[in-house]
Every structure is written in structure tokens, then in C-alpha cells.
Amino acid sequence: MQQPRSAAKKLLLPLAAAAALSLAGMGNACAQSEPLVFVHGYSGSNSNWNTMVSRFTASGYPSSKLYRFGYNSLVYSNKTSASQLSSFVNTVRANNGYVPVSIVAHSNGGLVSRWFRAKLGGSAKMRRFVTLGTPHKGTSWAYGCVSPACFEMRYGSSFLNELAGQGCDRSLWSATDGIIIPAANAQCGVSTQTANVSHLGLLSDSSVYNQVRQQLQ
């Protein structure tokens, strides 16, 4: 009588494992169809995301779940832009059954998003937050421009001091960024180094896109 039970047990084990994998896959599929909000960097525009968004849609991600937030970094402080982002996210969530969103932000857009996440209640409205080449600890490049957002990207700015490391989640950074100086200042939270690409190359490189997808899981 032991042999049939043993055979049945051996059969059930792979079935149970398959069921577990299926459930895990379903959970991942749900996470990967949530609303995504893309936030551009300093002096950028929504068109900066064209390549990455096209890759998302080509992979089967619903285009109706992909949103781009635009703001005027040449005029407004990051705090003001974060307030605008908060309103934008509220609208996105209202149009999607109030589910959490995930944010992918480039450069200064990561600081705008961090302020929203840490200071304006954004953490309760977000599932995942991924930054690309964001000057989390400042950059010397910001001393070459003059605007509220530029001042906030400088080393030891009152803006960065108020954040005090808050609001980070996942960060991707390139050793050859060229705009975030030093490059390691783009690290915050769980940090992953990318291929050696330029600051703008983070937006278009296919391997970086693959890393973004991984970090969103």
C-alpha cells in the first residue's frame, strides 16, 4: 500500500509547485499592469520618454496605463512641481479605481517625485518608485544654471537637507552619466549600476529599460 501513496505524493509535488508558480506569475502580471507615471528631468519634456514608452507598449503593456507628467523646471521649485505631481497622480488614480501607481523618474524628476513621496503623502499612493540618474545627493552641474530647481540640486541645498534621505526606493545610476557629478550621487535606496551610458542615454538604452522593468516587479 505504500508504493501507490508514494507515487501519488511524487505526482502532487510537481503539481503544487506549478500552482505556486502560476499564482506568483498572476501576482507579477497584476503588478505589471498598474498605472505608470513617467516624470522627466530638468529642462526636459514628456517626449523624453518616447523610446521607453514605446518599449513598454511593444512588450504588451497597456498604453492606457502609461502616463507622462510634465512640469516647468525652469520656473518652478521642485516643491511646487511636486504639488502639481500630487494632483496629477490623484487624477490618474481616480481614472484607475484608486489603485497605487508606480513612478519612473529621470534626473531632477526624481527629486520632484521624492518630495511628493516623502512630504505630500505620495508613499501611500505608490507601489514602486524608480529613479534614473537623479542627483539624490546633489551635483556640481547644478552650479552652472540659475533657477529654483537648480539651487535645489546643489550639494547641501536646503531642499536636499529637508529630504534628509527620505522618499527613496529604487535607483539606477551610470558611472559615465556626465551630469550627475559625482556619478555615485545618483544612488538612493536600493541602488543598481547600469551600463556605461550618458545621462540622456539612460532614457533610451535597451539594457536600462530592462533594468527598469526588473525594478518595477
N, C-alpha and C. Protein backbone atom coordinates (compact mmCIF):
# COMPACT_ATOMS: atom_id res chain seq x y z
N MET A 1 0.82 -1.22 0.00
CA MET A 1 0.00 0.00 0.00
C MET A 1 0.85 1.26 0.00
N GLN A 2 2.12 1.17 0.41
CA GLN A 2 2.97 2.35 0.49
C GLN A 2 3.37 2.89 -0.88
N GLN A 3 3.55 1.98 -1.82
CA GLN A 3 4.02 2.41 -3.13
C GLN A 3 3.02 3.34 -3.84
N PRO A 4 1.71 3.02 -3.88
CA PRO A 4 0.76 3.94 -4.52
C PRO A 4 0.76 5.31 -3.87
N ARG A 5 0.83 5.34 -2.49
CA ARG A 5 0.84 6.63 -1.81
C ARG A 5 2.08 7.44 -2.18
N SER A 6 3.21 6.75 -2.25
CA SER A 6 4.46 7.41 -2.62
C SER A 6 4.40 7.96 -4.03
N ALA A 7 3.82 7.17 -4.93
CA ALA A 7 3.69 7.62 -6.32
C ALA A 7 2.77 8.82 -6.42
N ALA A 8 1.67 8.77 -5.65
CA ALA A 8 0.74 9.89 -5.67
C ALA A 8 1.39 11.15 -5.13
N LYS A 9 2.18 10.97 -4.06
CA LYS A 9 2.87 12.12 -3.46
C LYS A 9 3.84 12.75 -4.44
N LYS A 10 4.55 11.87 -5.19
CA LYS A 10 5.50 12.38 -6.17
C LYS A 10 4.80 13.15 -7.27
N LEU A 11 3.58 12.74 -7.60
CA LEU A 11 2.82 13.41 -8.64
C LEU A 11 2.28 14.75 -8.16
N LEU A 12 1.88 14.79 -6.87
CA LEU A 12 1.29 16.00 -6.32
C LEU A 12 2.31 17.12 -6.13
N LEU A 13 3.55 16.74 -5.82
CA LEU A 13 4.57 17.76 -5.57
C LEU A 13 4.81 18.67 -6.76
N PRO A 14 5.01 18.10 -7.98
CA PRO A 14 5.19 19.00 -9.12
C PRO A 14 3.95 19.83 -9.43
N LEU A 15 2.76 19.23 -9.18
CA LEU A 15 1.52 19.98 -9.43
C LEU A 15 1.41 21.16 -8.48
N ALA A 16 1.77 20.93 -7.21
CA ALA A 16 1.73 22.03 -6.23
C ALA A 16 2.73 23.12 -6.60
N ALA A 17 3.91 22.71 -7.04
CA ALA A 17 4.93 23.69 -7.44
C ALA A 17 4.46 24.50 -8.63
N ALA A 18 3.82 23.82 -9.59
CA ALA A 18 3.30 24.52 -10.77
C ALA A 18 2.23 25.51 -10.39
N ALA A 19 1.37 25.11 -9.43
CA ALA A 19 0.30 26.01 -8.99
C ALA A 19 0.88 27.24 -8.32
N ALA A 20 1.92 27.03 -7.50
CA ALA A 20 2.57 28.17 -6.82
C ALA A 20 3.18 29.12 -7.81
N LEU A 21 3.83 28.58 -8.84
CA LEU A 21 4.44 29.44 -9.87
C LEU A 21 3.38 30.20 -10.62
N SER A 22 2.25 29.53 -10.86
CA SER A 22 1.16 30.18 -11.58
C SER A 22 0.61 31.36 -10.80
N LEU A 23 0.44 31.16 -9.47
CA LEU A 23 -0.06 32.24 -8.63
C LEU A 23 0.94 33.39 -8.57
N ALA A 24 2.23 33.05 -8.49
CA ALA A 24 3.26 34.09 -8.47
C ALA A 24 3.25 34.87 -9.76
N GLY A 25 3.07 34.17 -10.85
CA GLY A 25 3.00 34.84 -12.15
C GLY A 25 1.83 35.76 -12.26
N MET A 26 0.69 35.32 -11.69
CA MET A 26 -0.51 36.17 -11.70
C MET A 26 -0.28 37.44 -10.91
N GLY A 27 0.41 37.29 -9.75
CA GLY A 27 0.70 38.46 -8.93
C GLY A 27 1.60 39.43 -9.66
N ASN A 28 2.60 38.91 -10.35
CA ASN A 28 3.53 39.76 -11.09
C ASN A 28 2.82 40.44 -12.25
N ALA A 29 1.90 39.70 -12.91
CA ALA A 29 1.16 40.28 -14.03
C ALA A 29 0.31 41.44 -13.56
N CYS A 30 -0.29 41.28 -12.36
CA CYS A 30 -1.12 42.37 -11.83
C CYS A 30 -0.26 43.60 -11.56
N ALA A 31 0.91 43.37 -10.96
CA ALA A 31 1.80 44.49 -10.65
C ALA A 31 2.27 45.18 -11.92
N GLN A 32 2.45 44.40 -12.99
CA GLN A 32 2.99 44.95 -14.21
C GLN A 32 1.93 45.49 -15.16
N SER A 33 0.72 45.69 -14.67
CA SER A 33 -0.29 46.36 -15.48
C SER A 33 -0.89 47.55 -14.72
N GLU A 34 -0.21 47.96 -13.67
CA GLU A 34 -0.65 49.11 -12.89
C GLU A 34 -0.38 50.39 -13.66
N PRO A 35 -1.00 51.51 -13.28
CA PRO A 35 -0.67 52.79 -13.92
C PRO A 35 0.78 53.18 -13.64
N LEU A 36 1.49 53.57 -14.68
CA LEU A 36 2.86 54.04 -14.55
C LEU A 36 2.90 55.52 -14.89
N VAL A 37 3.57 56.29 -14.04
CA VAL A 37 3.72 57.73 -14.27
C VAL A 37 5.20 58.01 -14.54
N PHE A 38 5.49 58.62 -15.67
CA PHE A 38 6.87 58.95 -16.06
C PHE A 38 7.09 60.45 -15.82
N VAL A 39 8.19 60.78 -15.13
CA VAL A 39 8.48 62.18 -14.78
C VAL A 39 9.84 62.55 -15.36
N HIS A 40 9.86 63.53 -16.28
CA HIS A 40 11.10 63.93 -16.95
C HIS A 40 12.00 64.76 -16.04
N GLY A 41 13.18 65.06 -16.52
CA GLY A 41 14.16 65.79 -15.74
C GLY A 41 14.18 67.28 -16.00
N TYR A 42 15.24 67.93 -15.51
CA TYR A 42 15.39 69.38 -15.63
C TYR A 42 15.44 69.80 -17.10
N SER A 43 14.67 70.80 -17.44
CA SER A 43 14.54 71.36 -18.79
C SER A 43 14.08 70.32 -19.82
N GLY A 44 13.56 69.20 -19.34
CA GLY A 44 13.09 68.15 -20.23
C GLY A 44 11.63 68.33 -20.62
N SER A 45 11.09 67.30 -21.27
CA SER A 45 9.69 67.31 -21.69
C SER A 45 9.18 65.88 -21.74
N ASN A 46 7.89 65.75 -21.93
CA ASN A 46 7.29 64.41 -21.98
C ASN A 46 7.84 63.58 -23.14
N SER A 47 8.33 64.24 -24.18
CA SER A 47 8.85 63.50 -25.34
C SER A 47 10.13 62.74 -24.99
N ASN A 48 10.78 63.10 -23.88
CA ASN A 48 11.98 62.37 -23.45
C ASN A 48 11.70 60.88 -23.24
N TRP A 49 10.45 60.56 -22.98
CA TRP A 49 10.08 59.18 -22.67
C TRP A 49 9.63 58.38 -23.89
N ASN A 50 9.68 58.97 -25.07
CA ASN A 50 9.15 58.29 -26.26
C ASN A 50 9.71 56.88 -26.45
N THR A 51 11.03 56.76 -26.36
CA THR A 51 11.65 55.46 -26.60
C THR A 51 11.25 54.44 -25.54
N MET A 52 11.32 54.83 -24.27
CA MET A 52 10.99 53.88 -23.22
C MET A 52 9.52 53.48 -23.24
N VAL A 53 8.64 54.46 -23.45
CA VAL A 53 7.21 54.14 -23.51
C VAL A 53 6.90 53.21 -24.67
N SER A 54 7.56 53.44 -25.81
CA SER A 54 7.33 52.57 -26.97
C SER A 54 7.77 51.14 -26.66
N ARG A 55 8.82 50.99 -25.86
CA ARG A 55 9.27 49.64 -25.47
C ARG A 55 8.24 48.99 -24.54
N PHE A 56 7.68 49.76 -23.64
CA PHE A 56 6.64 49.22 -22.77
C PHE A 56 5.45 48.72 -23.60
N THR A 57 4.99 49.53 -24.52
CA THR A 57 3.83 49.14 -25.32
C THR A 57 4.16 47.96 -26.24
N ALA A 58 5.37 47.94 -26.77
CA ALA A 58 5.78 46.83 -27.64
C ALA A 58 5.81 45.52 -26.87
N SER A 59 6.04 45.59 -25.57
CA SER A 59 6.08 44.38 -24.74
C SER A 59 4.68 43.93 -24.35
N GLY A 60 3.66 44.72 -24.70
CA GLY A 60 2.29 44.36 -24.37
C GLY A 60 1.70 45.13 -23.21
N TYR A 61 2.47 46.08 -22.64
CA TYR A 61 1.93 46.87 -21.54
C TYR A 61 0.82 47.77 -22.07
N PRO A 62 -0.32 47.83 -21.41
CA PRO A 62 -1.44 48.64 -21.92
C PRO A 62 -1.06 50.12 -22.04
N SER A 63 -1.23 50.67 -23.21
CA SER A 63 -0.88 52.08 -23.41
C SER A 63 -1.75 53.00 -22.56
N SER A 64 -2.95 52.53 -22.22
CA SER A 64 -3.87 53.32 -21.40
C SER A 64 -3.40 53.44 -19.96
N LYS A 65 -2.37 52.66 -19.59
CA LYS A 65 -1.84 52.69 -18.22
C LYS A 65 -0.54 53.48 -18.13
N LEU A 66 -0.11 54.08 -19.23
CA LEU A 66 1.16 54.80 -19.26
C LEU A 66 0.89 56.31 -19.31
N TYR A 67 1.34 57.02 -18.30
CA TYR A 67 1.08 58.45 -18.17
C TYR A 67 2.39 59.22 -18.07
N ARG A 68 2.40 60.43 -18.63
CA ARG A 68 3.59 61.28 -18.55
C ARG A 68 3.22 62.59 -17.86
N PHE A 69 3.99 62.92 -16.83
CA PHE A 69 3.76 64.17 -16.10
C PHE A 69 4.75 65.22 -16.56
N GLY A 70 4.24 66.35 -17.02
CA GLY A 70 5.09 67.46 -17.46
C GLY A 70 5.06 68.61 -16.46
N TYR A 71 6.19 69.25 -16.28
CA TYR A 71 6.27 70.39 -15.36
C TYR A 71 7.33 71.35 -15.86
N ASN A 72 7.30 72.59 -15.39
CA ASN A 72 8.23 73.62 -15.84
C ASN A 72 9.36 73.78 -14.83
N SER A 73 10.44 73.04 -15.05
CA SER A 73 11.57 73.06 -14.12
C SER A 73 12.39 74.34 -14.21
N LEU A 74 12.19 75.10 -15.28
CA LEU A 74 12.95 76.34 -15.45
C LEU A 74 12.34 77.49 -14.64
N VAL A 75 11.12 77.30 -14.17
CA VAL A 75 10.41 78.36 -13.45
C VAL A 75 10.10 77.98 -12.01
N TYR A 76 9.57 76.78 -11.83
CA TYR A 76 9.06 76.39 -10.52
C TYR A 76 10.08 75.63 -9.68
N SER A 77 9.93 75.75 -8.38
CA SER A 77 10.73 74.94 -7.46
C SER A 77 10.25 73.50 -7.52
N ASN A 78 11.08 72.59 -7.05
CA ASN A 78 10.69 71.18 -7.03
C ASN A 78 9.51 70.93 -6.08
N LYS A 79 9.40 71.76 -5.07
CA LYS A 79 8.26 71.62 -4.15
C LYS A 79 6.95 71.95 -4.86
N THR A 80 6.96 73.01 -5.66
CA THR A 80 5.76 73.38 -6.43
C THR A 80 5.44 72.30 -7.45
N SER A 81 6.46 71.81 -8.13
CA SER A 81 6.25 70.75 -9.13
C SER A 81 5.75 69.48 -8.46
N ALA A 82 6.21 69.20 -7.25
CA ALA A 82 5.75 68.03 -6.52
C ALA A 82 4.27 68.14 -6.17
N SER A 83 3.83 69.34 -5.86
CA SER A 83 2.42 69.57 -5.58
C SER A 83 1.57 69.33 -6.83
N GLN A 84 2.11 69.76 -7.98
CA GLN A 84 1.42 69.51 -9.25
C GLN A 84 1.39 68.01 -9.57
N LEU A 85 2.49 67.33 -9.25
CA LEU A 85 2.55 65.89 -9.45
C LEU A 85 1.51 65.19 -8.58
N SER A 86 1.34 65.66 -7.37
CA SER A 86 0.36 65.08 -6.46
C SER A 86 -1.05 65.15 -7.06
N SER A 87 -1.40 66.30 -7.63
CA SER A 87 -2.72 66.45 -8.27
C SER A 87 -2.84 65.53 -9.48
N PHE A 88 -1.74 65.42 -10.23
CA PHE A 88 -1.73 64.56 -11.42
C PHE A 88 -1.95 63.10 -11.02
N VAL A 89 -1.25 62.64 -10.00
CA VAL A 89 -1.39 61.26 -9.54
C VAL A 89 -2.80 61.01 -9.02
N ASN A 90 -3.38 61.98 -8.34
CA ASN A 90 -4.76 61.83 -7.86
C ASN A 90 -5.71 61.59 -9.02
N THR A 91 -5.50 62.31 -10.11
CA THR A 91 -6.35 62.15 -11.29
C THR A 91 -6.14 60.78 -11.92
N VAL A 92 -4.88 60.37 -12.04
CA VAL A 92 -4.57 59.04 -12.60
C VAL A 92 -5.23 57.95 -11.78
N ARG A 93 -5.13 58.05 -10.47
CA ARG A 93 -5.72 57.03 -9.60
C ARG A 93 -7.24 57.03 -9.69
N ALA A 94 -7.83 58.21 -9.79
CA ALA A 94 -9.29 58.30 -9.91
C ALA A 94 -9.78 57.63 -11.19
N ASN A 95 -8.96 57.68 -12.22
CA ASN A 95 -9.32 57.06 -13.51
C ASN A 95 -9.00 55.57 -13.55
N ASN A 96 -8.39 55.06 -12.47
CA ASN A 96 -7.99 53.65 -12.45
C ASN A 96 -8.42 52.95 -11.16
N GLY A 97 -9.55 53.34 -10.64
CA GLY A 97 -10.09 52.67 -9.46
C GLY A 97 -9.29 52.88 -8.20
N TYR A 98 -8.53 53.96 -8.14
CA TYR A 98 -7.75 54.34 -6.96
C TYR A 98 -6.70 53.30 -6.54
N VAL A 99 -6.19 52.56 -7.53
CA VAL A 99 -5.10 51.63 -7.25
C VAL A 99 -3.80 52.43 -7.11
N PRO A 100 -2.79 51.89 -6.44
CA PRO A 100 -1.50 52.58 -6.35
C PRO A 100 -0.85 52.68 -7.73
N VAL A 101 -0.06 53.70 -7.92
CA VAL A 101 0.70 53.87 -9.16
C VAL A 101 2.16 53.55 -8.88
N SER A 102 2.93 53.39 -9.93
CA SER A 102 4.38 53.36 -9.80
C SER A 102 4.94 54.52 -10.63
N ILE A 103 6.04 55.08 -10.17
CA ILE A 103 6.64 56.24 -10.84
C ILE A 103 8.04 55.89 -11.32
N VAL A 104 8.33 56.26 -12.55
CA VAL A 104 9.67 56.16 -13.12
C VAL A 104 10.11 57.58 -13.42
N ALA A 105 11.19 58.03 -12.82
CA ALA A 105 11.60 59.43 -12.94
C ALA A 105 13.06 59.54 -13.38
N HIS A 106 13.32 60.53 -14.22
CA HIS A 106 14.67 60.78 -14.71
C HIS A 106 15.22 62.06 -14.10
N SER A 107 16.47 62.03 -13.67
CA SER A 107 17.20 63.22 -13.24
C SER A 107 16.44 63.99 -12.17
N ASN A 108 16.25 65.31 -12.36
CA ASN A 108 15.57 66.13 -11.37
C ASN A 108 14.15 65.67 -11.10
N GLY A 109 13.56 64.97 -12.07
CA GLY A 109 12.22 64.43 -11.85
C GLY A 109 12.17 63.49 -10.66
N GLY A 110 13.31 62.87 -10.36
CA GLY A 110 13.36 62.01 -9.20
C GLY A 110 13.26 62.80 -7.90
N LEU A 111 13.80 64.02 -7.88
CA LEU A 111 13.69 64.86 -6.68
C LEU A 111 12.27 65.36 -6.51
N VAL A 112 11.64 65.73 -7.62
CA VAL A 112 10.23 66.14 -7.57
C VAL A 112 9.38 65.00 -6.99
N SER A 113 9.63 63.81 -7.50
CA SER A 113 8.86 62.64 -7.07
C SER A 113 9.16 62.26 -5.62
N ARG A 114 10.41 62.42 -5.20
CA ARG A 114 10.77 62.11 -3.81
C ARG A 114 10.05 63.05 -2.84
N TRP A 115 9.95 64.33 -3.21
CA TRP A 115 9.25 65.28 -2.33
C TRP A 115 7.78 64.90 -2.23
N PHE A 116 7.19 64.54 -3.35
CA PHE A 116 5.80 64.08 -3.35
C PHE A 116 5.65 62.84 -2.47
N ARG A 117 6.57 61.91 -2.61
CA ARG A 117 6.51 60.65 -1.88
C ARG A 117 6.72 60.84 -0.38
N ALA A 118 7.69 61.68 -0.02
CA ALA A 118 8.07 61.82 1.38
C ALA A 118 7.29 62.89 2.14
N LYS A 119 6.90 63.96 1.42
CA LYS A 119 6.33 65.11 2.11
C LYS A 119 4.86 65.38 1.82
N LEU A 120 4.32 64.78 0.75
CA LEU A 120 2.94 65.09 0.36
C LEU A 120 2.05 63.85 0.34
N GLY A 121 2.43 62.85 1.09
CA GLY A 121 1.60 61.66 1.20
C GLY A 121 1.68 60.71 0.03
N GLY A 122 2.67 60.88 -0.83
CA GLY A 122 2.76 60.05 -2.02
C GLY A 122 3.04 58.58 -1.76
N SER A 123 3.73 58.29 -0.65
CA SER A 123 4.10 56.89 -0.38
C SER A 123 2.87 56.00 -0.26
N ALA A 124 1.75 56.56 0.21
CA ALA A 124 0.51 55.78 0.35
C ALA A 124 -0.19 55.56 -0.98
N LYS A 125 0.26 56.30 -2.01
CA LYS A 125 -0.40 56.21 -3.32
C LYS A 125 0.48 55.51 -4.34
N MET A 126 1.66 55.07 -3.91
CA MET A 126 2.63 54.47 -4.82
C MET A 126 2.97 53.06 -4.39
N ARG A 127 3.24 52.20 -5.38
CA ARG A 127 3.74 50.87 -5.08
C ARG A 127 5.25 50.81 -5.24
N ARG A 128 5.76 51.35 -6.35
CA ARG A 128 7.18 51.30 -6.65
C ARG A 128 7.62 52.65 -7.22
N PHE A 129 8.88 53.01 -6.96
CA PHE A 129 9.44 54.28 -7.41
C PHE A 129 10.87 54.03 -7.88
N VAL A 130 11.11 54.27 -9.17
CA VAL A 130 12.42 54.01 -9.78
C VAL A 130 12.98 55.31 -10.34
N THR A 131 14.20 55.66 -9.96
CA THR A 131 14.84 56.87 -10.49
C THR A 131 16.00 56.49 -11.42
N LEU A 132 16.21 57.33 -12.42
CA LEU A 132 17.31 57.16 -13.38
C LEU A 132 18.18 58.41 -13.34
N GLY A 133 19.41 58.28 -12.90
CA GLY A 133 20.32 59.42 -12.90
C GLY A 133 19.80 60.64 -12.17
N THR A 134 19.27 60.43 -10.98
CA THR A 134 18.75 61.54 -10.17
C THR A 134 19.83 62.02 -9.19
N PRO A 135 20.03 63.34 -9.08
CA PRO A 135 21.05 63.86 -8.16
C PRO A 135 20.58 63.83 -6.71
N HIS A 136 20.42 62.63 -6.18
CA HIS A 136 19.89 62.47 -4.82
C HIS A 136 20.75 63.17 -3.78
N LYS A 137 22.04 63.24 -4.03
CA LYS A 137 22.94 63.92 -3.08
C LYS A 137 23.56 65.16 -3.71
N GLY A 138 22.92 65.68 -4.76
CA GLY A 138 23.39 66.89 -5.42
C GLY A 138 24.35 66.60 -6.57
N THR A 139 24.59 67.63 -7.36
CA THR A 139 25.53 67.53 -8.49
C THR A 139 26.18 68.88 -8.74
N SER A 140 27.46 68.87 -9.06
CA SER A 140 28.16 70.13 -9.35
C SER A 140 27.65 70.77 -10.63
N TRP A 141 27.03 69.98 -11.50
CA TRP A 141 26.47 70.51 -12.74
C TRP A 141 25.45 71.61 -12.45
N ALA A 142 24.75 71.52 -11.33
CA ALA A 142 23.69 72.47 -10.99
C ALA A 142 24.21 73.86 -10.67
N TYR A 143 25.54 73.98 -10.51
CA TYR A 143 26.11 75.31 -10.27
C TYR A 143 26.26 76.09 -11.57
N GLY A 144 25.96 75.44 -12.68
CA GLY A 144 26.05 76.11 -13.97
C GLY A 144 24.74 76.65 -14.48
N CYS A 145 23.68 76.54 -13.71
CA CYS A 145 22.37 77.08 -14.13
C CYS A 145 21.76 77.82 -12.95
N VAL A 146 20.81 78.67 -13.26
CA VAL A 146 20.19 79.50 -12.23
C VAL A 146 18.68 79.40 -12.34
N SER A 147 18.08 78.74 -11.38
CA SER A 147 16.62 78.60 -11.27
C SER A 147 16.36 77.93 -9.93
N PRO A 148 15.13 78.00 -9.43
CA PRO A 148 14.85 77.34 -8.14
C PRO A 148 15.24 75.86 -8.14
N ALA A 149 14.92 75.15 -9.21
CA ALA A 149 15.23 73.72 -9.26
C ALA A 149 16.74 73.49 -9.28
N CYS A 150 17.48 74.38 -9.94
CA CYS A 150 18.94 74.27 -9.97
C CYS A 150 19.51 74.42 -8.57
N PHE A 151 19.04 75.42 -7.84
CA PHE A 151 19.52 75.62 -6.48
C PHE A 151 19.28 74.37 -5.63
N GLU A 152 18.14 73.72 -5.88
CA GLU A 152 17.76 72.56 -5.07
C GLU A 152 18.57 71.31 -5.43
N MET A 153 19.21 71.32 -6.59
CA MET A 153 20.05 70.19 -6.99
C MET A 153 21.50 70.34 -6.53
N ARG A 154 21.84 71.46 -5.91
CA ARG A 154 23.20 71.69 -5.48
C ARG A 154 23.51 70.97 -4.17
N TYR A 155 24.78 70.65 -3.97
CA TYR A 155 25.20 69.97 -2.75
C TYR A 155 24.70 70.72 -1.51
N GLY A 156 24.13 70.00 -0.57
CA GLY A 156 23.75 70.59 0.70
C GLY A 156 22.67 71.64 0.62
N SER A 157 21.87 71.64 -0.44
CA SER A 157 20.79 72.61 -0.55
C SER A 157 19.78 72.40 0.57
N SER A 158 19.02 73.45 0.89
CA SER A 158 18.00 73.31 1.94
C SER A 158 16.97 72.26 1.54
N PHE A 159 16.71 72.14 0.24
CA PHE A 159 15.76 71.16 -0.27
C PHE A 159 16.25 69.74 0.05
N LEU A 160 17.51 69.44 -0.29
CA LEU A 160 18.05 68.11 -0.03
C LEU A 160 18.19 67.85 1.47
N ASN A 161 18.51 68.88 2.23
CA ASN A 161 18.62 68.72 3.67
C ASN A 161 17.27 68.41 4.30
N GLU A 162 16.21 69.03 3.77
CA GLU A 162 14.87 68.74 4.29
C GLU A 162 14.44 67.32 3.95
N LEU A 163 14.83 66.85 2.77
CA LEU A 163 14.50 65.46 2.41
C LEU A 163 15.25 64.48 3.30
N ALA A 164 16.50 64.81 3.60
CA ALA A 164 17.31 64.01 4.53
C ALA A 164 17.25 62.51 4.21
N GLY A 165 17.38 62.18 2.93
CA GLY A 165 17.41 60.78 2.53
C GLY A 165 16.06 60.11 2.44
N GLN A 166 14.98 60.84 2.72
CA GLN A 166 13.64 60.25 2.70
C GLN A 166 13.12 60.09 1.26
N GLY A 167 12.18 59.18 1.11
CA GLY A 167 11.45 59.06 -0.15
C GLY A 167 12.08 58.21 -1.21
N CYS A 168 13.20 57.57 -0.92
CA CYS A 168 13.87 56.74 -1.92
C CYS A 168 13.25 55.35 -1.98
N ASP A 169 13.44 54.69 -3.10
CA ASP A 169 13.00 53.31 -3.26
C ASP A 169 14.07 52.57 -4.07
N ARG A 170 14.01 52.66 -5.40
CA ARG A 170 14.98 52.01 -6.28
C ARG A 170 15.66 53.07 -7.13
N SER A 171 16.98 52.98 -7.29
CA SER A 171 17.69 53.96 -8.12
C SER A 171 18.63 53.25 -9.07
N LEU A 172 18.68 53.75 -10.30
CA LEU A 172 19.61 53.26 -11.32
C LEU A 172 20.58 54.39 -11.63
N TRP A 173 21.86 54.05 -11.75
CA TRP A 173 22.86 55.10 -12.00
C TRP A 173 23.94 54.58 -12.92
N SER A 174 24.53 55.51 -13.68
CA SER A 174 25.59 55.17 -14.62
C SER A 174 26.89 55.84 -14.18
N ALA A 175 27.98 55.10 -14.23
CA ALA A 175 29.29 55.64 -13.86
C ALA A 175 29.76 56.70 -14.84
N THR A 176 29.19 56.72 -16.05
CA THR A 176 29.58 57.69 -17.08
C THR A 176 28.44 58.66 -17.37
N ASP A 177 27.63 58.93 -16.37
CA ASP A 177 26.47 59.82 -16.51
C ASP A 177 26.86 61.17 -17.11
N GLY A 178 27.85 61.83 -16.51
CA GLY A 178 28.34 63.10 -17.04
C GLY A 178 27.61 64.33 -16.55
N ILE A 179 26.40 64.16 -16.03
CA ILE A 179 25.63 65.29 -15.49
C ILE A 179 25.54 65.19 -13.97
N ILE A 180 25.36 64.00 -13.48
CA ILE A 180 25.37 63.79 -12.03
C ILE A 180 26.83 63.60 -11.62
N ILE A 181 27.37 64.61 -10.93
CA ILE A 181 28.79 64.64 -10.58
C ILE A 181 28.94 64.86 -9.06
N PRO A 182 29.53 63.88 -8.36
CA PRO A 182 30.00 62.59 -8.86
C PRO A 182 28.84 61.66 -9.18
N ALA A 183 29.10 60.69 -10.05
CA ALA A 183 28.05 59.80 -10.54
C ALA A 183 27.37 59.03 -9.42
N ALA A 184 28.13 58.69 -8.38
CA ALA A 184 27.58 57.91 -7.27
C ALA A 184 26.51 58.65 -6.49
N ASN A 185 26.40 59.96 -6.70
CA ASN A 185 25.36 60.74 -6.01
C ASN A 185 23.97 60.41 -6.52
N ALA A 186 23.88 59.60 -7.56
CA ALA A 186 22.57 59.17 -8.07
C ALA A 186 22.06 57.94 -7.33
N GLN A 187 22.81 57.47 -6.35
CA GLN A 187 22.39 56.30 -5.59
C GLN A 187 21.50 56.71 -4.42
N CYS A 188 20.41 55.96 -4.25
CA CYS A 188 19.50 56.22 -3.12
C CYS A 188 18.60 55.00 -2.97
N GLY A 189 18.41 54.53 -1.77
CA GLY A 189 17.60 53.33 -1.57
C GLY A 189 18.33 52.12 -2.12
N VAL A 190 17.58 51.20 -2.74
CA VAL A 190 18.18 50.03 -3.38
C VAL A 190 18.75 50.49 -4.71
N SER A 191 20.08 50.48 -4.83
CA SER A 191 20.74 51.09 -5.98
C SER A 191 21.38 50.04 -6.88
N THR A 192 21.25 50.26 -8.20
CA THR A 192 21.81 49.34 -9.19
C THR A 192 22.56 50.14 -10.25
N GLN A 193 23.78 49.74 -10.53
CA GLN A 193 24.56 50.41 -11.57
C GLN A 193 24.15 49.87 -12.94
N THR A 194 24.03 50.77 -13.90
CA THR A 194 23.64 50.40 -15.26
C THR A 194 24.89 50.23 -16.13
N ALA A 195 24.64 49.99 -17.42
CA ALA A 195 25.74 50.03 -18.40
C ALA A 195 26.31 51.44 -18.42
N ASN A 196 27.49 51.62 -18.95
CA ASN A 196 28.12 52.93 -19.02
C ASN A 196 27.48 53.76 -20.13
N VAL A 197 26.41 54.44 -19.78
CA VAL A 197 25.70 55.28 -20.74
C VAL A 197 25.67 56.71 -20.23
N SER A 198 25.33 57.64 -21.10
CA SER A 198 25.25 59.05 -20.74
C SER A 198 23.98 59.33 -19.95
N HIS A 199 23.88 60.55 -19.47
CA HIS A 199 22.70 60.95 -18.69
C HIS A 199 21.42 60.76 -19.51
N LEU A 200 21.41 61.26 -20.73
CA LEU A 200 20.24 61.08 -21.60
C LEU A 200 20.14 59.65 -22.12
N GLY A 201 21.31 58.97 -22.20
CA GLY A 201 21.30 57.59 -22.65
C GLY A 201 20.51 56.67 -21.73
N LEU A 202 20.35 57.07 -20.47
CA LEU A 202 19.55 56.29 -19.53
C LEU A 202 18.10 56.16 -20.01
N LEU A 203 17.67 57.12 -20.82
CA LEU A 203 16.29 57.12 -21.30
C LEU A 203 16.07 56.22 -22.50
N SER A 204 17.12 55.92 -23.23
CA SER A 204 16.97 55.20 -24.49
C SER A 204 17.68 53.85 -24.56
N ASP A 205 18.60 53.59 -23.64
CA ASP A 205 19.35 52.34 -23.70
C ASP A 205 18.44 51.15 -23.39
N SER A 206 18.52 50.10 -24.21
CA SER A 206 17.64 48.95 -24.04
C SER A 206 17.92 48.18 -22.75
N SER A 207 19.19 48.10 -22.35
CA SER A 207 19.51 47.37 -21.13
C SER A 207 18.99 48.11 -19.90
N VAL A 208 19.01 49.44 -19.95
CA VAL A 208 18.45 50.22 -18.84
C VAL A 208 16.94 50.00 -18.76
N TYR A 209 16.29 49.95 -19.91
CA TYR A 209 14.85 49.66 -19.94
C TYR A 209 14.57 48.32 -19.26
N ASN A 210 15.37 47.32 -19.57
CA ASN A 210 15.19 46.00 -18.95
C ASN A 210 15.37 46.07 -17.44
N GLN A 211 16.31 46.90 -16.99
CA GLN A 211 16.51 47.06 -15.55
C GLN A 211 15.33 47.77 -14.90
N VAL A 212 14.76 48.74 -15.60
CA VAL A 212 13.58 49.42 -15.09
C VAL A 212 12.46 48.42 -14.89
N ARG A 213 12.24 47.55 -15.87
CA ARG A 213 11.19 46.54 -15.76
C ARG A 213 11.45 45.62 -14.56
N GLN A 214 12.69 45.26 -14.36
CA GLN A 214 13.03 44.40 -13.23
C GLN A 214 12.75 45.09 -11.90
N GLN A 215 13.12 46.38 -11.82
CA GLN A 215 12.93 47.12 -10.58
C GLN A 215 11.47 47.38 -10.28
N LEU A 216 10.62 47.36 -11.29
CA LEU A 216 9.19 47.57 -11.09
C LEU A 216 8.47 46.33 -10.56
N GLN A 217 9.15 45.21 -10.56
CA GLN A 217 8.50 43.98 -10.11
C GLN A 217 8.34 43.96 -8.59
